[in-house]
PDB file of all heavy atoms in Angstrom:
ATOM      1  N   SER A   1      92.477 117.528  96.808  1.00  0.00           N
ATOM      2  CA  SER A   1      91.666 118.459  97.546  1.00  0.00           C
ATOM      3  C   SER A   1      90.207 118.128  97.507  1.00  0.00           C
ATOM      4  O   SER A   1      89.799 117.103  97.056  1.00  0.00           O
ATOM      5  CB  SER A   1      92.072 119.904  97.227  1.00  0.00           C
ATOM      6  OG  SER A   1      91.423 120.754  98.203  1.00  0.00           O
ATOM      7  N   ALA A   2      89.275 119.148  97.894  1.00  0.00           N
ATOM      8  CA  ALA A   2      87.907 118.943  97.848  1.00  0.00           C
ATOM      9  C   ALA A   2      87.170 120.279  97.875  1.00  0.00           C
ATOM     10  O   ALA A   2      87.811 121.283  98.338  1.00  0.00           O
ATOM     11  CB  ALA A   2      87.338 117.996  98.974  1.00  0.00           C
ATOM     12  N   GLY A   3      85.904 120.305  97.608  1.00  0.00           N
ATOM     13  CA  GLY A   3      85.253 121.570  97.740  1.00  0.00           C
ATOM     14  C   GLY A   3      85.397 122.518  96.538  1.00  0.00           C
ATOM     15  O   GLY A   3      85.929 122.114  95.548  1.00  0.00           O
ATOM     16  N   PRO A   4      85.041 123.793  96.724  1.00  0.00           N
ATOM     17  CA  PRO A   4      85.146 124.646  95.639  1.00  0.00           C
ATOM     18  C   PRO A   4      86.574 124.913  95.064  1.00  0.00           C
ATOM     19  O   PRO A   4      86.708 125.199  93.808  1.00  0.00           O
ATOM     20  CB  PRO A   4      84.508 125.997  96.116  1.00  0.00           C
ATOM     21  CG  PRO A   4      84.617 125.906  97.599  1.00  0.00           C
ATOM     22  CD  PRO A   4      84.484 124.458  97.903  1.00  0.00           C
ATOM     23  N   ARG A   5      87.498 124.737  95.794  1.00  0.00           N
ATOM     24  CA  ARG A   5      88.935 124.930  95.440  1.00  0.00           C
ATOM     25  C   ARG A   5      89.639 123.582  95.219  1.00  0.00           C
ATOM     26  O   ARG A   5      90.841 123.514  95.255  1.00  0.00           O
ATOM     27  CB  ARG A   5      89.715 125.869  96.441  1.00  0.00           C
ATOM     28  CG  ARG A   5      90.879 126.444  95.807  1.00  0.00           C
ATOM     29  CD  ARG A   5      91.295 127.754  96.246  1.00  0.00           C
ATOM     30  NE  ARG A   5      92.312 128.350  95.495  1.00  0.00           N
ATOM     31  CZ  ARG A   5      92.735 129.593  95.518  1.00  0.00           C
ATOM     32  NH1 ARG A   5      92.283 130.552  96.335  1.00  0.00           N
ATOM     33  NH2 ARG A   5      93.679 130.005  94.705  1.00  0.00           N
ATOM     34  N   ASN A   6      88.950 122.566  94.782  1.00  0.00           N
ATOM     35  CA  ASN A   6      89.520 121.283  94.443  1.00  0.00           C
ATOM     36  C   ASN A   6      90.333 121.396  93.176  1.00  0.00           C
ATOM     37  O   ASN A   6      90.250 122.414  92.399  1.00  0.00           O
ATOM     38  CB  ASN A   6      88.486 120.141  94.345  1.00  0.00           C
ATOM     39  CG  ASN A   6      87.661 120.378  93.123  1.00  0.00           C
ATOM     40  OD1 ASN A   6      87.496 121.431  92.572  1.00  0.00           O
ATOM     41  ND2 ASN A   6      86.938 119.338  92.751  1.00  0.00           N
ATOM     42  N   CYS A   7      91.081 120.300  92.833  1.00  0.00           N
ATOM     43  CA  CYS A   7      91.999 120.382  91.687  1.00  0.00           C
ATOM     44  C   CYS A   7      91.121 120.363  90.504  1.00  0.00           C
ATOM     45  O   CYS A   7      90.276 119.485  90.219  1.00  0.00           O
ATOM     46  CB  CYS A   7      92.916 119.181  91.755  1.00  0.00           C
ATOM     47  SG  CYS A   7      93.941 118.947  90.246  1.00  0.00           S
ATOM     48  N   ILE A   8      91.311 121.408  89.574  1.00  0.00           N
ATOM     49  CA  ILE A   8      90.551 121.518  88.368  1.00  0.00           C
ATOM     50  C   ILE A   8      90.874 120.429  87.327  1.00  0.00           C
ATOM     51  O   ILE A   8      90.100 120.096  86.485  1.00  0.00           O
ATOM     52  CB  ILE A   8      90.711 122.931  87.784  1.00  0.00           C
ATOM     53  CG1 ILE A   8      89.688 123.238  86.780  1.00  0.00           C
ATOM     54  CG2 ILE A   8      92.152 123.016  87.165  1.00  0.00           C
ATOM     55  CD1 ILE A   8      89.622 124.669  86.276  1.00  0.00           C
ATOM     56  N   GLY A   9      92.131 119.810  87.507  1.00  0.00           N
ATOM     57  CA  GLY A   9      92.531 118.850  86.542  1.00  0.00           C
ATOM     58  C   GLY A   9      92.618 117.506  87.002  1.00  0.00           C
ATOM     59  O   GLY A   9      93.401 116.633  86.451  1.00  0.00           O
ATOM     60  N   GLN A  10      91.801 117.050  87.958  1.00  0.00           N
ATOM     61  CA  GLN A  10      91.921 115.679  88.475  1.00  0.00           C
ATOM     62  C   GLN A  10      91.470 114.661  87.380  1.00  0.00           C
ATOM     63  O   GLN A  10      92.183 113.543  87.506  1.00  0.00           O
ATOM     64  CB  GLN A  10      91.038 115.581  89.829  1.00  0.00           C
ATOM     65  CG  GLN A  10      89.632 116.017  89.708  1.00  0.00           C
ATOM     66  CD  GLN A  10      88.931 115.860  91.064  1.00  0.00           C
ATOM     67  OE1 GLN A  10      88.755 114.760  91.625  1.00  0.00           O
ATOM     68  NE2 GLN A  10      88.682 116.950  91.626  1.00  0.00           N
ATOM     69  N   LYS A  11      90.514 114.840  86.557  1.00  0.00           N
ATOM     70  CA  LYS A  11      90.186 113.873  85.576  1.00  0.00           C
ATOM     71  C   LYS A  11      91.371 113.902  84.559  1.00  0.00           C
ATOM     72  O   LYS A  11      91.722 112.702  84.055  1.00  0.00           O
ATOM     73  CB  LYS A  11      88.984 114.284  84.921  1.00  0.00           C
ATOM     74  CG  LYS A  11      87.685 114.088  85.747  1.00  0.00           C
ATOM     75  CD  LYS A  11      86.392 114.350  84.935  1.00  0.00           C
ATOM     76  CE  LYS A  11      85.160 114.113  85.759  1.00  0.00           C
ATOM     77  NZ  LYS A  11      83.885 114.455  85.061  1.00  0.00           N
ATOM     78  N   TYR A  12      91.958 114.966  84.180  1.00  0.00           N
ATOM     79  CA  TYR A  12      93.034 114.998  83.314  1.00  0.00           C
ATOM     80  C   TYR A  12      94.298 114.130  83.952  1.00  0.00           C
ATOM     81  O   TYR A  12      94.789 113.319  83.179  1.00  0.00           O
ATOM     82  CB  TYR A  12      93.506 116.481  83.144  1.00  0.00           C
ATOM     83  CG  TYR A  12      94.862 116.683  82.513  1.00  0.00           C
ATOM     84  CD1 TYR A  12      94.974 117.178  81.165  1.00  0.00           C
ATOM     85  CD2 TYR A  12      96.033 116.595  83.140  1.00  0.00           C
ATOM     86  CE1 TYR A  12      96.103 117.320  80.519  1.00  0.00           C
ATOM     87  CE2 TYR A  12      97.343 116.735  82.539  1.00  0.00           C
ATOM     88  CZ  TYR A  12      97.334 117.158  81.190  1.00  0.00           C
ATOM     89  OH  TYR A  12      98.571 117.347  80.683  1.00  0.00           O
ATOM     90  N   ALA A  13      94.500 114.367  85.155  1.00  0.00           N
ATOM     91  CA  ALA A  13      95.618 113.614  85.925  1.00  0.00           C
ATOM     92  C   ALA A  13      95.378 112.223  85.888  1.00  0.00           C
ATOM     93  O   ALA A  13      96.349 111.371  85.524  1.00  0.00           O
ATOM     94  CB  ALA A  13      95.744 114.093  87.336  1.00  0.00           C
ATOM     95  N   MET A  14      94.161 111.782  86.094  1.00  0.00           N
ATOM     96  CA  MET A  14      93.812 110.329  86.163  1.00  0.00           C
ATOM     97  C   MET A  14      93.940 109.702  84.795  1.00  0.00           C
ATOM     98  O   MET A  14      94.471 108.559  84.656  1.00  0.00           O
ATOM     99  CB  MET A  14      92.392 110.110  86.789  1.00  0.00           C
ATOM    100  CG  MET A  14      92.083 108.611  87.060  1.00  0.00           C
ATOM    101  SD  MET A  14      93.305 107.816  88.158  1.00  0.00           S
ATOM    102  CE  MET A  14      92.749 108.579  89.775  1.00  0.00           C
ATOM    103  N   PHE A  15      93.444 110.329  83.753  1.00  0.00           N
ATOM    104  CA  PHE A  15      93.586 109.908  82.380  1.00  0.00           C
ATOM    105  C   PHE A  15      95.127 109.682  82.016  1.00  0.00           C
ATOM    106  O   PHE A  15      95.541 108.717  81.515  1.00  0.00           O
ATOM    107  CB  PHE A  15      92.983 110.824  81.374  1.00  0.00           C
ATOM    108  CG  PHE A  15      91.501 110.678  81.187  1.00  0.00           C
ATOM    109  CD1 PHE A  15      90.680 110.254  82.230  1.00  0.00           C
ATOM    110  CD2 PHE A  15      90.856 110.963  80.002  1.00  0.00           C
ATOM    111  CE1 PHE A  15      89.340 110.041  82.082  1.00  0.00           C
ATOM    112  CE2 PHE A  15      89.471 110.868  79.849  1.00  0.00           C
ATOM    113  CZ  PHE A  15      88.772 110.420  80.906  1.00  0.00           C
ATOM    114  N   GLU A  16      95.913 110.740  82.436  1.00  0.00           N
ATOM    115  CA  GLU A  16      97.239 110.744  82.079  1.00  0.00           C
ATOM    116  C   GLU A  16      98.009 109.615  82.807  1.00  0.00           C
ATOM    117  O   GLU A  16      98.772 108.789  82.184  1.00  0.00           O
ATOM    118  CB  GLU A  16      97.915 112.010  82.450  1.00  0.00           C
ATOM    119  CG  GLU A  16      99.450 112.105  82.067  1.00  0.00           C
ATOM    120  CD  GLU A  16     100.036 113.398  82.599  1.00  0.00           C
ATOM    121  OE1 GLU A  16      99.268 114.331  83.010  1.00  0.00           O
ATOM    122  OE2 GLU A  16     101.374 113.472  82.576  1.00  0.00           O
ATOM    123  N   MET A  17      97.758 109.456  84.106  1.00  0.00           N
ATOM    124  CA  MET A  17      98.442 108.392  84.802  1.00  0.00           C
ATOM    125  C   MET A  17      98.000 107.042  84.449  1.00  0.00           C
ATOM    126  O   MET A  17      98.954 106.136  84.227  1.00  0.00           O
ATOM    127  CB  MET A  17      98.145 108.693  86.373  1.00  0.00           C
ATOM    128  CG  MET A  17      98.763 109.844  86.940  1.00  0.00           C
ATOM    129  SD  MET A  17      98.607 109.894  88.788  1.00  0.00           S
ATOM    130  CE  MET A  17      96.869 110.355  88.964  1.00  0.00           C
ATOM    131  N   LYS A  18      96.829 106.736  84.107  1.00  0.00           N
ATOM    132  CA  LYS A  18      96.322 105.472  83.625  1.00  0.00           C
ATOM    133  C   LYS A  18      96.973 105.222  82.382  1.00  0.00           C
ATOM    134  O   LYS A  18      97.436 104.059  82.172  1.00  0.00           O
ATOM    135  CB  LYS A  18      94.796 105.493  83.528  1.00  0.00           C
ATOM    136  CG  LYS A  18      94.030 105.269  84.804  1.00  0.00           C
ATOM    137  CD  LYS A  18      92.581 105.133  84.419  1.00  0.00           C
ATOM    138  CE  LYS A  18      91.771 104.683  85.636  1.00  0.00           C
ATOM    139  NZ  LYS A  18      90.337 104.498  85.265  1.00  0.00           N
ATOM    140  N   THR A  19      97.039 106.100  81.468  1.00  0.00           N
ATOM    141  CA  THR A  19      97.727 105.924  80.113  1.00  0.00           C
ATOM    142  C   THR A  19      99.181 105.559  80.248  1.00  0.00           C
ATOM    143  O   THR A  19      99.604 104.531  79.622  1.00  0.00           O
ATOM    144  CB  THR A  19      97.530 107.121  79.247  1.00  0.00           C
ATOM    145  OG1 THR A  19      96.098 107.429  79.129  1.00  0.00           O
ATOM    146  CG2 THR A  19      98.061 106.770  77.818  1.00  0.00           C
ATOM    147  N   ILE A  20      99.903 106.258  81.018  1.00  0.00           N
ATOM    148  CA  ILE A  20     101.359 106.062  81.222  1.00  0.00           C
ATOM    149  C   ILE A  20     101.517 104.573  81.783  1.00  0.00           C
ATOM    150  O   ILE A  20     102.306 103.785  81.396  1.00  0.00           O
ATOM    151  CB  ILE A  20     101.977 107.052  82.034  1.00  0.00           C
ATOM    152  CG1 ILE A  20     101.973 108.446  81.360  1.00  0.00           C
ATOM    153  CG2 ILE A  20     103.418 106.805  82.401  1.00  0.00           C
ATOM    154  CD1 ILE A  20     102.439 109.628  82.203  1.00  0.00           C
ATOM    155  N   LEU A  21     100.829 104.367  82.882  1.00  0.00           N
ATOM    156  CA  LEU A  21     101.019 103.115  83.680  1.00  0.00           C
ATOM    157  C   LEU A  21     100.631 102.000  82.823  1.00  0.00           C
ATOM    158  O   LEU A  21     101.272 100.910  82.805  1.00  0.00           O
ATOM    159  CB  LEU A  21     100.228 103.125  84.921  1.00  0.00           C
ATOM    160  CG  LEU A  21     100.759 104.127  85.962  1.00  0.00           C
ATOM    161  CD1 LEU A  21      99.660 104.437  87.062  1.00  0.00           C
ATOM    162  CD2 LEU A  21     101.940 103.489  86.733  1.00  0.00           C
ATOM    163  N   ALA A  22      99.505 102.065  82.076  1.00  0.00           N
ATOM    164  CA  ALA A  22      99.030 100.918  81.257  1.00  0.00           C
ATOM    165  C   ALA A  22     100.046 100.635  80.122  1.00  0.00           C
ATOM    166  O   ALA A  22     100.389  99.448  79.863  1.00  0.00           O
ATOM    167  CB  ALA A  22      97.619 101.246  80.659  1.00  0.00           C
ATOM    168  N   ASN A  23     100.633 101.607  79.501  1.00  0.00           N
ATOM    169  CA  ASN A  23     101.570 101.444  78.394  1.00  0.00           C
ATOM    170  C   ASN A  23     102.765 100.818  78.958  1.00  0.00           C
ATOM    171  O   ASN A  23     103.449  99.962  78.349  1.00  0.00           O
ATOM    172  CB  ASN A  23     101.832 102.783  77.672  1.00  0.00           C
ATOM    173  CG  ASN A  23     100.848 102.983  76.566  1.00  0.00           C
ATOM    174  OD1 ASN A  23     100.310 102.113  75.949  1.00  0.00           O
ATOM    175  ND2 ASN A  23     100.501 104.218  76.305  1.00  0.00           N
ATOM    176  N   VAL A  24     103.326 101.200  80.214  1.00  0.00           N
ATOM    177  CA  VAL A  24     104.428 100.688  80.822  1.00  0.00           C
ATOM    178  C   VAL A  24     104.201  99.169  81.264  1.00  0.00           C
ATOM    179  O   VAL A  24     104.977  98.311  80.891  1.00  0.00           O
ATOM    180  CB  VAL A  24     104.911 101.513  81.992  1.00  0.00           C
ATOM    181  CG1 VAL A  24     105.923 100.696  82.799  1.00  0.00           C
ATOM    182  CG2 VAL A  24     105.378 102.813  81.521  1.00  0.00           C
ATOM    183  N   LEU A  25     103.126  98.876  81.926  1.00  0.00           N
ATOM    184  CA  LEU A  25     102.824  97.618  82.475  1.00  0.00           C
ATOM    185  C   LEU A  25     102.472  96.569  81.488  1.00  0.00           C
ATOM    186  O   LEU A  25     102.559  95.316  81.731  1.00  0.00           O
ATOM    187  CB  LEU A  25     101.758  97.718  83.614  1.00  0.00           C
ATOM    188  CG  LEU A  25     102.214  98.580  84.797  1.00  0.00           C
ATOM    189  CD1 LEU A  25     101.109  98.827  85.678  1.00  0.00           C
ATOM    190  CD2 LEU A  25     103.358  97.867  85.576  1.00  0.00           C
ATOM    191  N   ARG A  26     102.013  96.979  80.296  1.00  0.00           N
ATOM    192  CA  ARG A  26     101.669  95.970  79.259  1.00  0.00           C
ATOM    193  C   ARG A  26     102.955  95.374  78.694  1.00  0.00           C
ATOM    194  O   ARG A  26     102.961  94.291  78.221  1.00  0.00           O
ATOM    195  CB  ARG A  26     100.939  96.740  78.132  1.00  0.00           C
ATOM    196  CG  ARG A  26      99.437  97.001  78.438  1.00  0.00           C
ATOM    197  CD  ARG A  26      98.729  97.270  77.097  1.00  0.00           C
ATOM    198  NE  ARG A  26      99.116  98.477  76.489  1.00  0.00           N
ATOM    199  CZ  ARG A  26      98.722  98.898  75.251  1.00  0.00           C
ATOM    200  NH1 ARG A  26      97.924  98.022  74.529  1.00  0.00           N
ATOM    201  NH2 ARG A  26      98.987 100.061  74.744  1.00  0.00           N
ATOM    202  N   LYS A  27     104.094  96.133  78.848  1.00  0.00           N
ATOM    203  CA  LYS A  27     105.394  95.721  78.261  1.00  0.00           C
ATOM    204  C   LYS A  27     106.416  95.330  79.313  1.00  0.00           C
ATOM    205  O   LYS A  27     107.338  94.572  78.765  1.00  0.00           O
ATOM    206  CB  LYS A  27     105.792  96.769  77.310  1.00  0.00           C
ATOM    207  CG  LYS A  27     104.820  96.943  76.067  1.00  0.00           C
ATOM    208  CD  LYS A  27     105.501  97.841  75.071  1.00  0.00           C
ATOM    209  CE  LYS A  27     104.595  98.015  73.895  1.00  0.00           C
ATOM    210  NZ  LYS A  27     105.192  98.750  72.770  1.00  0.00           N
ATOM    211  N   PHE A  28     106.231  95.687  80.483  1.00  0.00           N
ATOM    212  CA  PHE A  28     107.260  95.541  81.438  1.00  0.00           C
ATOM    213  C   PHE A  28     106.859  94.943  82.790  1.00  0.00           C
ATOM    214  O   PHE A  28     105.637  95.380  83.245  1.00  0.00           O
ATOM    215  CB  PHE A  28     108.088  96.749  81.685  1.00  0.00           C
ATOM    216  CG  PHE A  28     108.740  97.381  80.599  1.00  0.00           C
ATOM    217  CD1 PHE A  28     108.227  98.477  79.922  1.00  0.00           C
ATOM    218  CD2 PHE A  28     109.951  96.903  80.056  1.00  0.00           C
ATOM    219  CE1 PHE A  28     108.885  99.064  78.831  1.00  0.00           C
ATOM    220  CE2 PHE A  28     110.597  97.411  79.036  1.00  0.00           C
ATOM    221  CZ  PHE A  28     110.082  98.526  78.360  1.00  0.00           C
ATOM    222  N   LYS A  29     107.523  94.130  83.368  1.00  0.00           N
ATOM    223  CA  LYS A  29     107.313  93.873  84.851  1.00  0.00           C
ATOM    224  C   LYS A  29     108.327  94.701  85.584  1.00  0.00           C
ATOM    225  O   LYS A  29     109.525  94.796  85.162  1.00  0.00           O
ATOM    226  CB  LYS A  29     107.596  92.306  85.131  1.00  0.00           C
ATOM    227  CG  LYS A  29     107.243  91.990  86.519  1.00  0.00           C
ATOM    228  CD  LYS A  29     107.237  90.480  86.654  1.00  0.00           C
ATOM    229  CE  LYS A  29     106.776  90.030  88.084  1.00  0.00           C
ATOM    230  NZ  LYS A  29     106.830  88.665  88.293  1.00  0.00           N
ATOM    231  N   VAL A  30     107.840  95.391  86.649  1.00  0.00           N
ATOM    232  CA  VAL A  30     108.705  96.401  87.462  1.00  0.00           C
ATOM    233  C   VAL A  30     109.040  95.767  88.868  1.00  0.00           C
ATOM    234  O   VAL A  30     108.249  95.007  89.359  1.00  0.00           O
ATOM    235  CB  VAL A  30     107.958  97.675  87.567  1.00  0.00           C
ATOM    236  CG1 VAL A  30     107.695  98.214  86.164  1.00  0.00           C
ATOM    237  CG2 VAL A  30     106.745  97.575  88.331  1.00  0.00           C
ATOM    238  N   TYR A  31     110.214  96.178  89.120  1.00  0.00           N
ATOM    239  CA  TYR A  31     110.756  95.653  90.470  1.00  0.00           C
ATOM    240  C   TYR A  31     111.285  96.895  91.261  1.00  0.00           C
ATOM    241  O   TYR A  31     112.156  97.630  90.776  1.00  0.00           O
ATOM    242  CB  TYR A  31     111.898  94.708  90.297  1.00  0.00           C
ATOM    243  CG  TYR A  31     111.535  93.439  89.509  1.00  0.00           C
ATOM    244  CD1 TYR A  31     111.666  93.415  88.167  1.00  0.00           C
ATOM    245  CD2 TYR A  31     111.072  92.273  90.177  1.00  0.00           C
ATOM    246  CE1 TYR A  31     111.243  92.279  87.368  1.00  0.00           C
ATOM    247  CE2 TYR A  31     110.680  91.185  89.456  1.00  0.00           C
ATOM    248  CZ  TYR A  31     110.832  91.101  88.109  1.00  0.00           C
ATOM    249  OH  TYR A  31     110.485  90.010  87.366  1.00  0.00           O
ATOM    250  N   SER A  32     110.892  97.009  92.438  1.00  0.00           N
ATOM    251  CA  SER A  32     111.396  98.034  93.384  1.00  0.00           C
ATOM    252  C   SER A  32     112.551  97.531  94.226  1.00  0.00           C
ATOM    253  O   SER A  32     112.384  96.373  94.789  1.00  0.00           O
ATOM    254  CB  SER A  32     110.314  98.640  94.274  1.00  0.00           C
ATOM    255  OG  SER A  32     109.217  99.152  93.484  1.00  0.00           O
ATOM    256  N   LEU A  33     113.590  98.305  94.344  1.00  0.00           N
ATOM    257  CA  LEU A  33     114.834  97.725  94.978  1.00  0.00           C
ATOM    258  C   LEU A  33     114.889  98.104  96.447  1.00  0.00           C
ATOM    259  O   LEU A  33     115.763  97.543  97.146  1.00  0.00           O
ATOM    260  CB  LEU A  33     116.100  98.284  94.305  1.00  0.00           C
ATOM    261  CG  LEU A  33     116.053  97.958  92.876  1.00  0.00           C
ATOM    262  CD1 LEU A  33     117.398  98.504  92.179  1.00  0.00           C
ATOM    263  CD2 LEU A  33     116.008  96.368  92.533  1.00  0.00           C
ATOM    264  N   ASP A  34     114.088  99.014  96.900  1.00  0.00           N
ATOM    265  CA  ASP A  34     114.223  99.488  98.340  1.00  0.00           C
ATOM    266  C   ASP A  34     112.798  99.298  99.102  1.00  0.00           C
ATOM    267  O   ASP A  34     111.793  99.822  98.596  1.00  0.00           O
ATOM    268  CB  ASP A  34     114.620 100.934  98.496  1.00  0.00           C
ATOM    269  CG  ASP A  34     116.033 101.169  97.891  1.00  0.00           C
ATOM    270  OD1 ASP A  34     116.982 100.393  98.424  1.00  0.00           O
ATOM    271  OD2 ASP A  34     116.184 101.956  96.927  1.00  0.00           O
ATOM    272  N   PRO A  35     112.896  98.827 100.328  1.00  0.00           N
ATOM    273  CA  PRO A  35     111.635  98.701 101.053  1.00  0.00           C
ATOM    274  C   PRO A  35     111.196 100.125 101.591  1.00  0.00           C
ATOM    275  O   PRO A  35     111.977 101.069 101.447  1.00  0.00           O
ATOM    276  CB  PRO A  35     112.050  97.816 102.295  1.00  0.00           C
ATOM    277  CG  PRO A  35     113.472  98.014 102.530  1.00  0.00           C
ATOM    278  CD  PRO A  35     113.946  98.195 101.013  1.00  0.00           C
ATOM    279  N   ARG A  36     110.027 100.206 102.024  1.00  0.00           N
ATOM    280  CA  ARG A  36     109.455 101.563 102.377  1.00  0.00           C
ATOM    281  C   ARG A  36     110.342 102.346 103.478  1.00  0.00           C
ATOM    282  O   ARG A  36     110.503 103.489 103.523  1.00  0.00           O
ATOM    283  CB  ARG A  36     108.027 101.501 102.893  1.00  0.00           C
ATOM    284  CG  ARG A  36     107.071 101.433 101.645  1.00  0.00           C
ATOM    285  CD  ARG A  36     105.632 101.482 102.146  1.00  0.00           C
ATOM    286  NE  ARG A  36     105.336 102.686 102.820  1.00  0.00           N
ATOM    287  CZ  ARG A  36     104.300 102.933 103.567  1.00  0.00           C
ATOM    288  NH1 ARG A  36     103.447 101.982 103.760  1.00  0.00           N
ATOM    289  NH2 ARG A  36     104.086 104.103 104.263  1.00  0.00           N
ATOM    290  N   ASP A  37     110.953 101.498 104.405  1.00  0.00           N
ATOM    291  CA  ASP A  37     111.566 102.090 105.500  1.00  0.00           C
ATOM    292  C   ASP A  37     112.999 102.733 104.953  1.00  0.00           C
ATOM    293  O   ASP A  37     113.618 103.393 105.776  1.00  0.00           O
ATOM    294  CB  ASP A  37     111.851 101.196 106.719  1.00  0.00           C
ATOM    295  CG  ASP A  37     112.707  99.879 106.304  1.00  0.00           C
ATOM    296  OD1 ASP A  37     112.978  99.748 105.153  1.00  0.00           O
ATOM    297  OD2 ASP A  37     112.855  99.164 107.176  1.00  0.00           O
ATOM    298  N   LYS A  38     113.335 102.440 103.748  1.00  0.00           N
ATOM    299  CA  LYS A  38     114.563 103.004 103.227  1.00  0.00           C
ATOM    300  C   LYS A  38     114.262 104.143 102.353  1.00  0.00           C
ATOM    301  O   LYS A  38     115.191 104.786 101.733  1.00  0.00           O
ATOM    302  CB  LYS A  38     115.344 101.957 102.402  1.00  0.00           C
ATOM    303  CG  LYS A  38     115.736 100.745 103.243  1.00  0.00           C
ATOM    304  CD  LYS A  38     116.759 101.089 104.320  1.00  0.00           C
ATOM    305  CE  LYS A  38     117.153  99.851 105.040  1.00  0.00           C
ATOM    306  NZ  LYS A  38     118.140 100.234 106.184  1.00  0.00           N
ATOM    307  N   ILE A  39     112.964 104.484 102.092  1.00  0.00           N
ATOM    308  CA  ILE A  39     112.628 105.680 101.208  1.00  0.00           C
ATOM    309  C   ILE A  39     112.303 106.832 102.081  1.00  0.00           C
ATOM    310  O   ILE A  39     111.381 106.864 102.823  1.00  0.00           O
ATOM    311  CB  ILE A  39     111.330 105.276 100.469  1.00  0.00           C
ATOM    312  CG1 ILE A  39     111.542 104.093  99.483  1.00  0.00           C
ATOM    313  CG2 ILE A  39     110.871 106.572  99.595  1.00  0.00           C
ATOM    314  CD1 ILE A  39     112.499 104.397  98.379  1.00  0.00           C
ATOM    315  N   LEU A  40     113.146 107.824 102.049  1.00  0.00           N
ATOM    316  CA  LEU A  40     113.023 109.024 102.784  1.00  0.00           C
ATOM    317  C   LEU A  40     112.328 110.035 101.883  1.00  0.00           C
ATOM    318  O   LEU A  40     112.721 110.265 100.754  1.00  0.00           O
ATOM    319  CB  LEU A  40     114.363 109.570 103.237  1.00  0.00           C
ATOM    320  CG  LEU A  40     115.206 108.618 104.136  1.00  0.00           C
ATOM    321  CD1 LEU A  40     116.557 109.329 104.384  1.00  0.00           C
ATOM    322  CD2 LEU A  40     114.486 108.279 105.372  1.00  0.00           C
ATOM    323  N   VAL A  41     111.318 110.737 102.451  1.00  0.00           N
ATOM    324  CA  VAL A  41     110.523 111.599 101.805  1.00  0.00           C
ATOM    325  C   VAL A  41     110.682 113.042 102.095  1.00  0.00           C
ATOM    326  O   VAL A  41     110.923 113.251 103.265  1.00  0.00           O
ATOM    327  CB  VAL A  41     109.056 111.275 101.700  1.00  0.00           C
ATOM    328  CG1 VAL A  41     108.747 109.912 101.036  1.00  0.00           C
ATOM    329  CG2 VAL A  41     108.329 111.240 103.040  1.00  0.00           C
ATOM    330  N   SER A  42     110.496 113.891 101.262  1.00  0.00           N
ATOM    331  CA  SER A  42     110.616 115.428 101.612  1.00  0.00           C
ATOM    332  C   SER A  42     109.337 116.130 101.110  1.00  0.00           C
ATOM    333  O   SER A  42     108.889 115.872  99.941  1.00  0.00           O
ATOM    334  CB  SER A  42     111.763 116.078 100.892  1.00  0.00           C
ATOM    335  OG  SER A  42     111.731 117.477 101.002  1.00  0.00           O
ATOM    336  N   ALA A  43     108.638 116.935 101.973  1.00  0.00           N
ATOM    337  CA  ALA A  43     107.511 117.687 101.507  1.00  0.00           C
ATOM    338  C   ALA A  43     107.799 119.090 101.056  1.00  0.00           C
ATOM    339  O   ALA A  43     107.766 119.962 101.865  1.00  0.00           O
ATOM    340  CB  ALA A  43     106.461 117.657 102.607  1.00  0.00           C
TER     341      ALA A  43
END
């Protein structure tokens, strides 16, 4: 989001995501099995 009601934890989220991804990608190569047109999303 943005403005006065933006996400209060955006730095927290970025730190967490970077740490998880870095620890995974340092040790593994990842492969996705489905192209985007096969991924159905729900909001």
